Amino acid sequence: QVQLVESGGGLVQAGGSLRLSCAASGRSFSRYTMAWFRQAPGKEREFVTTVNWLDGSTVYADSVKGRFTISRNNAKNAVYLQMDSLKPEDTAVYYCAADASARYSASRYSSDYAYWGQGTQVTVST
């Protein structure tokens, strides 16, 4: 069983920055592909970014590419999301997710992630 706890959300003005953290339980964190998804009010949950367990490669949604950076610290069982140049359309609940299947390629699909955190609210004001 993997437990995920997000932190770092809040209210920020457009153009500002926030850093989200996700702390994970479990002895095999280094073998988990980790991802961030988000869900805005009235919208479906959408993929933001993922970092592969095997080689640390990353994938980003086009909407955040160049502004967001995912990173992980296996020694601390943690994954981070640095969000810069925030826009009002980034407002959403952000979820950390873990894929513990050790698949070779990271997935953009929420159904491939078995473990989820409770979410942290990010609000970007104009």
Foldseek 3Di string as FASTA:
>chain_A
DKAKAKDWADEEAAQAKTKMKIAMDDDPLLLKKKFKWWDDPPGDIFGAKIAHSPPRDMDGDPVQPPFWDWDDDVVRRMIMIIGGNDDQVVWTWMKMFIQNPSDPDDDRDPVNTDYIYPTDTHGYHD
